[in-house]
Amino acid sequence: MIYAEKISFRRNDEQNLQTIVRIKLLSDSSEKWKINDKPINGWYKKEDINAWLHNHGDTGFEIKVNIKPYPNLVPVERNSVKYVRSTRDYTNKDNLLNLEAFYEKES
């Protein structure tokens, strides 16, 4: 299984699903999906994750938020912005936004 563990934003951006910059993913030892023959571990752009889920979701590729109840991530596109969100559950806030957040380094 692949889990979303952390999220990042640009400093001073409102923290919402569309403004997430990158998501830290971690594959457990049973996960078969790889990128360039390497396990999916590290920080990835939300647009890349959106594309992976969009292109491979029908073939078993899935990512779960590493917070109970471990909802799946799903690809979303709104106003030409590609991002991901977790499947709806009993919580009022998307579980992805409950992950530990970091700020991107300014360049």
PDB file of N, CA and C in Angstrom:
ATOM      1  N   MET A   1       0.843  -1.184   0.000  1.00  0.00           N
ATOM      2  CA  MET A   1       0.000   0.000   0.000  1.00  0.00           C
ATOM      3  C   MET A   1       0.885   1.243   0.000  1.00  0.00           C
ATOM      4  N   ILE A   2       0.398   2.279  -0.625  1.00  0.00           N
ATOM      5  CA  ILE A   2       1.079   3.574  -0.632  1.00  0.00           C
ATOM      6  C   ILE A   2       0.260   4.516   0.242  1.00  0.00           C
ATOM      7  N   TYR A   3       0.953   5.230   1.116  1.00  0.00           N
ATOM      8  CA  TYR A   3       0.286   6.149   2.038  1.00  0.00           C
ATOM      9  C   TYR A   3       0.766   7.579   1.832  1.00  0.00           C
ATOM     10  N   ALA A   4      -0.166   8.516   1.901  1.00  0.00           N
ATOM     11  CA  ALA A   4       0.170   9.941   1.948  1.00  0.00           C
ATOM     12  C   ALA A   4       0.473  10.261   3.403  1.00  0.00           C
ATOM     13  N   GLU A   5       1.673  10.797   3.663  1.00  0.00           N
ATOM     14  CA  GLU A   5       2.117  11.017   5.038  1.00  0.00           C
ATOM     15  C   GLU A   5       2.183  12.486   5.448  1.00  0.00           C
ATOM     16  N   LYS A   6       2.569  13.358   4.515  1.00  0.00           N
ATOM     17  CA  LYS A   6       2.755  14.779   4.827  1.00  0.00           C
ATOM     18  C   LYS A   6       2.384  15.592   3.597  1.00  0.00           C
ATOM     19  N   ILE A   7       2.148  16.889   3.800  1.00  0.00           N
ATOM     20  CA  ILE A   7       1.822  17.788   2.693  1.00  0.00           C
ATOM     21  C   ILE A   7       2.665  19.053   2.801  1.00  0.00           C
ATOM     22  N   SER A   8       2.831  19.743   1.683  1.00  0.00           N
ATOM     23  CA  SER A   8       3.577  21.006   1.721  1.00  0.00           C
ATOM     24  C   SER A   8       2.797  22.096   0.987  1.00  0.00           C
ATOM     25  N   PHE A   9       3.053  23.330   1.429  1.00  0.00           N
ATOM     26  CA  PHE A   9       2.438  24.522   0.852  1.00  0.00           C
ATOM     27  C   PHE A   9       3.519  25.557   0.605  1.00  0.00           C
ATOM     28  N   ARG A  10       3.207  26.538  -0.229  1.00  0.00           N
ATOM     29  CA  ARG A  10       4.065  27.721  -0.328  1.00  0.00           C
ATOM     30  C   ARG A  10       3.721  28.621   0.847  1.00  0.00           C
ATOM     31  N   ARG A  11       4.728  29.237   1.404  1.00  0.00           N
ATOM     32  CA  ARG A  11       4.509  30.146   2.526  1.00  0.00           C
ATOM     33  C   ARG A  11       3.526  31.241   2.105  1.00  0.00           C
ATOM     34  N   ASN A  12       2.641  31.612   2.970  1.00  0.00           N
ATOM     35  CA  ASN A  12       1.623  32.650   2.776  1.00  0.00           C
ATOM     36  C   ASN A  12       0.440  32.219   1.911  1.00  0.00           C
ATOM     37  N   ASP A  13       0.437  30.991   1.380  1.00  0.00           N
ATOM     38  CA  ASP A  13      -0.741  30.508   0.655  1.00  0.00           C
ATOM     39  C   ASP A  13      -1.797  30.050   1.651  1.00  0.00           C
ATOM     40  N   GLU A  14      -3.053  30.234   1.290  1.00  0.00           N
ATOM     41  CA  GLU A  14      -4.135  29.647   2.075  1.00  0.00           C
ATOM     42  C   GLU A  14      -3.973  28.130   2.001  1.00  0.00           C
ATOM     43  N   GLN A  15      -4.187  27.444   3.105  1.00  0.00           N
ATOM     44  CA  GLN A  15      -3.997  25.997   3.110  1.00  0.00           C
ATOM     45  C   GLN A  15      -5.298  25.296   2.742  1.00  0.00           C
ATOM     46  N   ASN A  16      -5.382  24.910   1.467  1.00  0.00           N
ATOM     47  CA  ASN A  16      -6.519  24.127   0.997  1.00  0.00           C
ATOM     48  C   ASN A  16      -6.009  23.084   0.003  1.00  0.00           C
ATOM     49  N   LEU A  17      -6.892  22.230  -0.453  1.00  0.00           N
ATOM     50  CA  LEU A  17      -6.476  21.136  -1.331  1.00  0.00           C
ATOM     51  C   LEU A  17      -5.816  21.626  -2.611  1.00  0.00           C
ATOM     52  N   GLN A  18      -6.303  22.714  -3.178  1.00  0.00           N
ATOM     53  CA  GLN A  18      -5.758  23.205  -4.442  1.00  0.00           C
ATOM     54  C   GLN A  18      -4.387  23.841  -4.286  1.00  0.00           C
ATOM     55  N   THR A  19      -4.041  24.315  -3.096  1.00  0.00           N
ATOM     56  CA  THR A  19      -2.749  24.987  -2.913  1.00  0.00           C
ATOM     57  C   THR A  19      -1.660  24.061  -2.383  1.00  0.00           C
ATOM     58  N   ILE A  20      -1.980  22.790  -2.149  1.00  0.00           N
ATOM     59  CA  ILE A  20      -0.929  21.837  -1.786  1.00  0.00           C
ATOM     60  C   ILE A  20       0.079  21.811  -2.934  1.00  0.00           C
ATOM     61  N   VAL A  21       1.362  21.851  -2.603  1.00  0.00           N
ATOM     62  CA  VAL A  21       2.408  21.799  -3.630  1.00  0.00           C
ATOM     63  C   VAL A  21       2.847  20.354  -3.844  1.00  0.00           C
ATOM     64  N   ARG A  22       3.249  19.701  -2.757  1.00  0.00           N
ATOM     65  CA  ARG A  22       3.741  18.325  -2.845  1.00  0.00           C
ATOM     66  C   ARG A  22       3.157  17.500  -1.701  1.00  0.00           C
ATOM     67  N   ILE A  23       3.167  16.182  -1.912  1.00  0.00           N
ATOM     68  CA  ILE A  23       2.692  15.236  -0.904  1.00  0.00           C
ATOM     69  C   ILE A  23       3.785  14.197  -0.707  1.00  0.00           C
ATOM     70  N   LYS A  24       4.099  13.913   0.557  1.00  0.00           N
ATOM     71  CA  LYS A  24       5.095  12.881   0.847  1.00  0.00           C
ATOM     72  C   LYS A  24       4.393  11.534   0.884  1.00  0.00           C
ATOM     73  N   LEU A  25       4.856  10.623   0.029  1.00  0.00           N
ATOM     74  CA  LEU A  25       4.291   9.287  -0.066  1.00  0.00           C
ATOM     75  C   LEU A  25       5.264   8.262   0.482  1.00  0.00           C
ATOM     76  N   LEU A  26       4.707   7.201   1.056  1.00  0.00           N
ATOM     77  CA  LEU A  26       5.505   6.108   1.600  1.00  0.00           C
ATOM     78  C   LEU A  26       4.863   4.795   1.195  1.00  0.00           C
ATOM     79  N   SER A  27       5.647   3.902   0.572  1.00  0.00           N
ATOM     80  CA  SER A  27       5.163   2.573   0.199  1.00  0.00           C
ATOM     81  C   SER A  27       5.535   1.582   1.282  1.00  0.00           C
ATOM     82  N   ASP A  28       4.598   0.694   1.629  1.00  0.00           N
ATOM     83  CA  ASP A  28       4.972  -0.360   2.571  1.00  0.00           C
ATOM     84  C   ASP A  28       5.644  -1.491   1.793  1.00  0.00           C
ATOM     85  N   SER A  29       6.123  -2.500   2.507  1.00  0.00           N
ATOM     86  CA  SER A  29       6.930  -3.552   1.880  1.00  0.00           C
ATOM     87  C   SER A  29       6.137  -4.418   0.904  1.00  0.00           C
ATOM     88  N   SER A  30       4.813  -4.411   0.983  1.00  0.00           N
ATOM     89  CA  SER A  30       4.012  -5.243   0.082  1.00  0.00           C
ATOM     90  C   SER A  30       3.643  -4.540  -1.228  1.00  0.00           C
ATOM     91  N   GLU A  31       3.976  -3.262  -1.349  1.00  0.00           N
ATOM     92  CA  GLU A  31       3.565  -2.484  -2.527  1.00  0.00           C
ATOM     93  C   GLU A  31       4.339  -2.899  -3.774  1.00  0.00           C
ATOM     94  N   LYS A  32       3.610  -3.105  -4.871  1.00  0.00           N
ATOM     95  CA  LYS A  32       4.212  -3.532  -6.142  1.00  0.00           C
ATOM     96  C   LYS A  32       4.458  -2.378  -7.112  1.00  0.00           C
ATOM     97  N   TRP A  33       3.707  -1.273  -6.998  1.00  0.00           N
ATOM     98  CA  TRP A  33       3.864  -0.152  -7.927  1.00  0.00           C
ATOM     99  C   TRP A  33       5.193   0.553  -7.690  1.00  0.00           C
ATOM    100  N   LYS A  34       5.874   0.887  -8.782  1.00  0.00           N
ATOM    101  CA  LYS A  34       7.175   1.550  -8.696  1.00  0.00           C
ATOM    102  C   LYS A  34       7.270   2.627  -9.774  1.00  0.00           C
ATOM    103  N   ILE A  35       8.222   3.533  -9.589  1.00  0.00           N
ATOM    104  CA  ILE A  35       8.547   4.534 -10.600  1.00  0.00           C
ATOM    105  C   ILE A  35      10.010   4.324 -10.952  1.00  0.00           C
ATOM    106  N   ASN A  36      10.285   4.069 -12.223  1.00  0.00           N
ATOM    107  CA  ASN A  36      11.655   3.774 -12.671  1.00  0.00           C
ATOM    108  C   ASN A  36      12.276   2.665 -11.836  1.00  0.00           C
ATOM    109  N   ASP A  37      11.491   1.618 -11.574  1.00  0.00           N
ATOM    110  CA  ASP A  37      11.917   0.443 -10.800  1.00  0.00           C
ATOM    111  C   ASP A  37      12.285   0.750  -9.358  1.00  0.00           C
ATOM    112  N   LYS A  38      11.854   1.883  -8.830  1.00  0.00           N
ATOM    113  CA  LYS A  38      12.118   2.236  -7.428  1.00  0.00           C
ATOM    114  C   LYS A  38      10.789   2.384  -6.700  1.00  0.00           C
ATOM    115  N   PRO A  39      10.745   1.974  -5.422  1.00  0.00           N
ATOM    116  CA  PRO A  39       9.512   2.151  -4.647  1.00  0.00           C
ATOM    117  C   PRO A  39       9.101   3.620  -4.608  1.00  0.00           C
ATOM    118  N   ILE A  40       7.817   3.846  -4.486  1.00  0.00           N
ATOM    119  CA  ILE A  40       7.285   5.206  -4.400  1.00  0.00           C
ATOM    120  C   ILE A  40       7.462   5.678  -2.963  1.00  0.00           C
ATOM    121  N   ASN A  41       8.529   6.396  -2.718  1.00  0.00           N
ATOM    122  CA  ASN A  41       8.859   6.947  -1.404  1.00  0.00           C
ATOM    123  C   ASN A  41       9.449   8.328  -1.612  1.00  0.00           C
ATOM    124  N   GLY A  42       8.852   9.331  -1.008  1.00  0.00           N
ATOM    125  CA  GLY A  42       9.396  10.680  -1.114  1.00  0.00           C
ATOM    126  C   GLY A  42       8.316  11.699  -1.406  1.00  0.00           C
ATOM    127  N   TRP A  43       8.767  12.903  -1.733  1.00  0.00           N
ATOM    128  CA  TRP A  43       7.865  14.024  -2.013  1.00  0.00           C
ATOM    129  C   TRP A  43       7.561  14.071  -3.506  1.00  0.00           C
ATOM    130  N   TYR A  44       6.261  14.162  -3.853  1.00  0.00           N
ATOM    131  CA  TYR A  44       5.825  14.197  -5.246  1.00  0.00           C
ATOM    132  C   TYR A  44       4.828  15.340  -5.448  1.00  0.00           C
ATOM    133  N   LYS A  45       4.879  15.956  -6.621  1.00  0.00           N
ATOM    134  CA  LYS A  45       3.955  17.051  -6.937  1.00  0.00           C
ATOM    135  C   LYS A  45       2.527  16.524  -7.000  1.00  0.00           C
ATOM    136  N   LYS A  46       1.600  17.341  -6.507  1.00  0.00           N
ATOM    137  CA  LYS A  46       0.188  16.922  -6.495  1.00  0.00           C
ATOM    138  C   LYS A  46      -0.319  16.640  -7.906  1.00  0.00           C
ATOM    139  N   GLU A  47       0.181  17.371  -8.908  1.00  0.00           N
ATOM    140  CA  GLU A  47      -0.247  17.155 -10.290  1.00  0.00           C
ATOM    141  C   GLU A  47       0.199  15.782 -10.800  1.00  0.00           C
ATOM    142  N   ASP A  48       1.400  15.338 -10.394  1.00  0.00           N
ATOM    143  CA  ASP A  48       1.875  14.011 -10.785  1.00  0.00           C
ATOM    144  C   ASP A  48       1.018  12.925 -10.144  1.00  0.00           C
ATOM    145  N   ILE A  49       0.697  13.106  -8.869  1.00  0.00           N
ATOM    146  CA  ILE A  49      -0.136  12.129  -8.165  1.00  0.00           C
ATOM    147  C   ILE A  49      -1.523  12.084  -8.798  1.00  0.00           C
ATOM    148  N   ASN A  50      -2.063  13.228  -9.160  1.00  0.00           N
ATOM    149  CA  ASN A  50      -3.350  13.290  -9.848  1.00  0.00           C
ATOM    150  C   ASN A  50      -3.289  12.456 -11.130  1.00  0.00           C
ATOM    151  N   ALA A  51      -2.230  12.635 -11.914  1.00  0.00           N
ATOM    152  CA  ALA A  51      -2.088  11.903 -13.182  1.00  0.00           C
ATOM    153  C   ALA A  51      -1.972  10.400 -12.941  1.00  0.00           C
ATOM    154  N   TRP A  52      -1.178   9.993 -11.954  1.00  0.00           N
ATOM    155  CA  TRP A  52      -1.034   8.556 -11.660  1.00  0.00           C
ATOM    156  C   TRP A  52      -2.384   7.943 -11.316  1.00  0.00           C
ATOM    157  N   LEU A  53      -3.133   8.619 -10.434  1.00  0.00           N
ATOM    158  CA  LEU A  53      -4.438   8.092 -10.029  1.00  0.00           C
ATOM    159  C   LEU A  53      -5.411   8.089 -11.205  1.00  0.00           C
ATOM    160  N   HIS A  54      -5.374   9.119 -12.012  1.00  0.00           N
ATOM    161  CA  HIS A  54      -6.261   9.210 -13.178  1.00  0.00           C
ATOM    162  C   HIS A  54      -5.928   8.117 -14.201  1.00  0.00           C
ATOM    163  N   ASN A  55      -4.640   7.908 -14.457  1.00  0.00           N
ATOM    164  CA  ASN A  55      -4.212   6.970 -15.500  1.00  0.00           C
ATOM    165  C   ASN A  55      -4.177   5.515 -15.059  1.00  0.00           C
ATOM    166  N   HIS A  56      -4.003   5.261 -13.758  1.00  0.00           N
ATOM    167  CA  HIS A  56      -3.808   3.881 -13.299  1.00  0.00           C
ATOM    168  C   HIS A  56      -4.794   3.436 -12.227  1.00  0.00           C
ATOM    169  N   GLY A  57      -5.734   4.302 -11.853  1.00  0.00           N
ATOM    170  CA  GLY A  57      -6.697   3.950 -10.811  1.00  0.00           C
ATOM    171  C   GLY A  57      -7.542   2.739 -11.157  1.00  0.00           C
ATOM    172  N   ASP A  58      -7.852   2.570 -12.438  1.00  0.00           N
ATOM    173  CA  ASP A  58      -8.663   1.428 -12.868  1.00  0.00           C
ATOM    174  C   ASP A  58      -7.891   0.119 -12.845  1.00  0.00           C
ATOM    175  N   THR A  59      -6.570   0.194 -12.707  1.00  0.00           N
ATOM    176  CA  THR A  59      -5.753  -1.024 -12.705  1.00  0.00           C
ATOM    177  C   THR A  59      -5.208  -1.347 -11.322  1.00  0.00           C
ATOM    178  N   GLY A  60      -5.810  -0.766 -10.296  1.00  0.00           N
ATOM    179  CA  GLY A  60      -5.433  -1.128  -8.930  1.00  0.00           C
ATOM    180  C   GLY A  60      -4.503  -0.178  -8.221  1.00  0.00           C
ATOM    181  N   PHE A  61      -4.046   0.879  -8.904  1.00  0.00           N
ATOM    182  CA  PHE A  61      -3.169   1.846  -8.244  1.00  0.00           C
ATOM    183  C   PHE A  61      -3.998   2.679  -7.283  1.00  0.00           C
ATOM    184  N   GLU A  62      -3.586   2.700  -6.002  1.00  0.00           N
ATOM    185  CA  GLU A  62      -4.292   3.518  -5.029  1.00  0.00           C
ATOM    186  C   GLU A  62      -3.331   4.053  -3.979  1.00  0.00           C
ATOM    187  N   ILE A  63      -3.723   5.174  -3.416  1.00  0.00           N
ATOM    188  CA  ILE A  63      -2.969   5.820  -2.344  1.00  0.00           C
ATOM    189  C   ILE A  63      -3.972   6.135  -1.247  1.00  0.00           C
ATOM    190  N   LYS A  64      -3.595   5.837  -0.014  1.00  0.00           N
ATOM    191  CA  LYS A  64      -4.458   6.118   1.131  1.00  0.00           C
ATOM    192  C   LYS A  64      -3.822   7.192   2.002  1.00  0.00           C
ATOM    193  N   VAL A  65      -4.661   8.006   2.640  1.00  0.00           N
ATOM    194  CA  VAL A  65      -4.182   8.979   3.620  1.00  0.00           C
ATOM    195  C   VAL A  65      -3.851   8.200   4.883  1.00  0.00           C
ATOM    196  N   ASN A  66      -2.685   8.452   5.465  1.00  0.00           N
ATOM    197  CA  ASN A  66      -2.235   7.676   6.622  1.00  0.00           C
ATOM    198  C   ASN A  66      -2.831   8.205   7.933  1.00  0.00           C
ATOM    199  N   ILE A  67      -4.150   8.368   7.942  1.00  0.00           N
ATOM    200  CA  ILE A  67      -4.926   8.754   9.117  1.00  0.00           C
ATOM    201  C   ILE A  67      -6.218   7.937   9.060  1.00  0.00           C
ATOM    202  N   LYS A  68      -6.616   7.368  10.194  1.00  0.00           N
ATOM    203  CA  LYS A  68      -7.879   6.620  10.214  1.00  0.00           C
ATOM    204  C   LYS A  68      -9.003   7.524   9.763  1.00  0.00           C
ATOM    205  N   PRO A  69      -9.898   7.031   8.965  1.00  0.00           N
ATOM    206  CA  PRO A  69     -10.151   5.655   8.535  1.00  0.00           C
ATOM    207  C   PRO A  69      -9.408   5.259   7.253  1.00  0.00           C
ATOM    208  N   TYR A  70      -8.270   5.891   6.962  1.00  0.00           N
ATOM    209  CA  TYR A  70      -7.415   5.590   5.811  1.00  0.00           C
ATOM    210  C   TYR A  70      -8.158   5.712   4.474  1.00  0.00           C
ATOM    211  N   PRO A  71      -8.734   6.882   4.199  1.00  0.00           N
ATOM    212  CA  PRO A  71      -9.467   7.058   2.938  1.00  0.00           C
ATOM    213  C   PRO A  71      -8.523   7.092   1.738  1.00  0.00           C
ATOM    214  N   ASN A  72      -9.040   6.695   0.601  1.00  0.00           N
ATOM    215  CA  ASN A  72      -8.277   6.743  -0.646  1.00  0.00           C
ATOM    216  C   ASN A  72      -8.177   8.175  -1.146  1.00  0.00           C
ATOM    217  N   LEU A  73      -7.094   8.454  -1.883  1.00  0.00           N
ATOM    218  CA  LEU A  73      -6.993   9.712  -2.613  1.00  0.00           C
ATOM    219  C   LEU A  73      -7.669   9.528  -3.964  1.00  0.00           C
ATOM    220  N   VAL A  74      -8.306  10.591  -4.436  1.00  0.00           N
ATOM    221  CA  VAL A  74      -8.941  10.573  -5.754  1.00  0.00           C
ATOM    222  C   VAL A  74      -8.497  11.816  -6.526  1.00  0.00           C
ATOM    223  N   PRO A  75      -8.338  11.684  -7.859  1.00  0.00           N
ATOM    224  CA  PRO A  75      -7.927  12.841  -8.661  1.00  0.00           C
ATOM    225  C   PRO A  75      -9.100  13.790  -8.895  1.00  0.00           C
ATOM    226  N   VAL A  76      -8.803  15.084  -8.880  1.00  0.00           N
ATOM    227  CA  VAL A  76      -9.816  16.120  -9.085  1.00  0.00           C
ATOM    228  C   VAL A  76      -9.219  17.183 -10.004  1.00  0.00           C
ATOM    229  N   GLU A  77     -10.065  17.771 -10.846  1.00  0.00           N
ATOM    230  CA  GLU A  77      -9.643  18.928 -11.640  1.00  0.00           C
ATOM    231  C   GLU A  77     -10.747  19.974 -11.564  1.00  0.00           C
ATOM    232  N   ARG A  78     -10.365  21.186 -11.158  1.00  0.00           N
ATOM    233  CA  ARG A  78     -11.322  22.287 -11.067  1.00  0.00           C
ATOM    234  C   ARG A  78     -10.625  23.558 -11.528  1.00  0.00           C
ATOM    235  N   ASN A  79     -11.253  24.273 -12.439  1.00  0.00           N
ATOM    236  CA  ASN A  79     -10.692  25.522 -12.970  1.00  0.00           C
ATOM    237  C   ASN A  79      -9.265  25.328 -13.473  1.00  0.00           C
ATOM    238  N   SER A  80      -9.029  24.236 -14.178  1.00  0.00           N
ATOM    239  CA  SER A  80      -7.721  23.891 -14.763  1.00  0.00           C
ATOM    240  C   SER A  80      -6.652  23.578 -13.727  1.00  0.00           C
ATOM    241  N   VAL A  81      -7.014  23.427 -12.457  1.00  0.00           N
ATOM    242  CA  VAL A  81      -6.058  23.038 -11.414  1.00  0.00           C
ATOM    243  C   VAL A  81      -6.264  21.555 -11.129  1.00  0.00           C
ATOM    244  N   LYS A  82      -5.186  20.766 -11.293  1.00  0.00           N
ATOM    245  CA  LYS A  82      -5.240  19.333 -11.006  1.00  0.00           C
ATOM    246  C   LYS A  82      -4.683  19.106  -9.610  1.00  0.00           C
ATOM    247  N   TYR A  83      -5.456  18.389  -8.796  1.00  0.00           N
ATOM    248  CA  TYR A  83      -5.045  18.114  -7.423  1.00  0.00           C
ATOM    249  C   TYR A  83      -5.693  16.814  -6.976  1.00  0.00           C
ATOM    250  N   VAL A  84      -5.543  16.454  -5.718  1.00  0.00           N
ATOM    251  CA  VAL A  84      -6.155  15.253  -5.170  1.00  0.00           C
ATOM    252  C   VAL A  84      -6.883  15.608  -3.879  1.00  0.00           C
ATOM    253  N   ARG A  85      -7.820  14.761  -3.522  1.00  0.00           N
ATOM    254  CA  ARG A  85      -8.515  14.879  -2.244  1.00  0.00           C
ATOM    255  C   ARG A  85      -8.773  13.463  -1.746  1.00  0.00           C
ATOM    256  N   SER A  86      -9.145  13.355  -0.481  1.00  0.00           N
ATOM    257  CA  SER A  86      -9.486  12.031   0.033  1.00  0.00           C
ATOM    258  C   SER A  86     -10.975  11.778  -0.175  1.00  0.00           C
ATOM    259  N   THR A  87     -11.338  10.496  -0.203  1.00  0.00           N
ATOM    260  CA  THR A  87     -12.751  10.158  -0.315  1.00  0.00           C
ATOM    261  C   THR A  87     -13.470  10.647   0.933  1.00  0.00           C
ATOM    262  N   ARG A  88     -14.708  11.009   0.760  1.00  0.00           N
ATOM    263  CA  ARG A  88     -15.482  11.580   1.866  1.00  0.00           C
ATOM    264  C   ARG A  88     -15.738  10.536   2.949  1.00  0.00           C
ATOM    265  N   ASP A  89     -15.725  11.014   4.199  1.00  0.00           N
ATOM    266  CA  ASP A  89     -16.053  10.159   5.332  1.00  0.00           C
ATOM    267  C   ASP A  89     -16.810  10.997   6.356  1.00  0.00           C
ATOM    268  N   TYR A  90     -16.805  10.563   7.589  1.00  0.00           N
ATOM    269  CA  TYR A  90     -17.585  11.231   8.636  1.00  0.00           C
ATOM    270  C   TYR A  90     -16.941  12.518   9.151  1.00  0.00           C
ATOM    271  N   THR A  91     -15.723  12.827   8.745  1.00  0.00           N
ATOM    272  CA  THR A  91     -15.053  14.027   9.244  1.00  0.00           C
ATOM    273  C   THR A  91     -15.503  15.248   8.448  1.00  0.00           C
ATOM    274  N   ASN A  92     -15.400  16.407   9.054  1.00  0.00           N
ATOM    275  CA  ASN A  92     -15.806  17.647   8.387  1.00  0.00           C
ATOM    276  C   ASN A  92     -14.723  18.206   7.480  1.00  0.00           C
ATOM    277  N   LYS A  93     -13.479  17.830   7.728  1.00  0.00           N
ATOM    278  CA  LYS A  93     -12.338  18.355   6.977  1.00  0.00           C
ATOM    279  C   LYS A  93     -11.708  17.210   6.197  1.00  0.00           C
ATOM    280  N   ASP A  94     -11.282  17.481   4.982  1.00  0.00           N
ATOM    281  CA  ASP A  94     -10.629  16.445   4.189  1.00  0.00           C
ATOM    282  C   ASP A  94      -9.425  15.912   4.959  1.00  0.00           C
ATOM    283  N   ASN A  95      -9.329  14.588   5.069  1.00  0.00           N
ATOM    284  CA  ASN A  95      -8.250  13.979   5.845  1.00  0.00           C
ATOM    285  C   ASN A  95      -6.867  14.346   5.336  1.00  0.00           C
ATOM    286  N   LEU A  96      -6.734  14.623   4.060  1.00  0.00           N
ATOM    287  CA  LEU A  96      -5.440  15.022   3.513  1.00  0.00           C
ATOM    288  C   LEU A  96      -4.942  16.295   4.200  1.00  0.00           C
ATOM    289  N   LEU A  97      -5.858  17.210   4.503  1.00  0.00           N
ATOM    290  CA  LEU A  97      -5.478  18.464   5.162  1.00  0.00           C
ATOM    291  C   LEU A  97      -5.173  18.280   6.646  1.00  0.00           C
ATOM    292  N   ASN A  98      -5.452  17.102   7.186  1.00  0.00           N
ATOM    293  CA  ASN A  98      -5.113  16.807   8.583  1.00  0.00           C
ATOM    294  C   ASN A  98      -3.701  16.255   8.739  1.00  0.00           C
ATOM    295  N   LEU A  99      -3.020  16.004   7.627  1.00  0.00           N
ATOM    296  CA  LEU A  99      -1.634  15.533   7.700  1.00  0.00           C
ATOM    297  C   LEU A  99      -0.719  16.668   8.145  1.00  0.00           C
ATOM    298  N   GLU A 100       0.455  16.292   8.657  1.00  0.00           N
ATOM    299  CA  GLU A 100       1.449  17.290   9.054  1.00  0.00           C
ATOM    300  C   GLU A 100       1.838  18.120   7.831  1.00  0.00           C
ATOM    301  N   ALA A 101       1.839  19.431   8.002  1.00  0.00           N
ATOM    302  CA  ALA A 101       2.112  20.336   6.880  1.00  0.00           C
ATOM    303  C   ALA A 101       3.469  21.007   7.031  1.00  0.00           C
ATOM    304  N   PHE A 102       4.116  21.218   5.901  1.00  0.00           N
ATOM    305  CA  PHE A 102       5.411  21.887   5.829  1.00  0.00           C
ATOM    306  C   PHE A 102       5.325  22.993   4.790  1.00  0.00           C
ATOM    307  N   TYR A 103       6.296  23.905   4.830  1.00  0.00           N
ATOM    308  CA  TYR A 103       6.379  24.956   3.820  1.00  0.00           C
ATOM    309  C   TYR A 103       7.533  24.664   2.880  1.00  0.00           C
ATOM    310  N   GLU A 104       7.317  24.941   1.604  1.00  0.00           N
ATOM    311  CA  GLU A 104       8.359  24.797   0.596  1.00  0.00           C
ATOM    312  C   GLU A 104       9.451  25.831   0.847  1.00  0.00           C
ATOM    313  N   LYS A 105      10.685  25.442   0.572  1.00  0.00           N
ATOM    314  CA  LYS A 105      11.790  26.398   0.679  1.00  0.00           C
ATOM    315  C   LYS A 105      11.659  27.430  -0.423  1.00  0.00           C
ATOM    316  N   GLU A 106      11.904  28.671  -0.076  1.00  0.00           N
ATOM    317  CA  GLU A 106      11.855  29.756  -1.066  1.00  0.00           C
ATOM    318  C   GLU A 106      13.144  29.730  -1.882  1.00  0.00           C
ATOM    319  N   SER A 107      13.011  29.951  -3.182  1.00  0.00           N
ATOM    320  CA  SER A 107      14.232  29.942  -4.007  1.00  0.00           C
ATOM    321  C   SER A 107      14.562  31.316  -4.515  1.00  0.00           C
TER     322      SER A 107
END
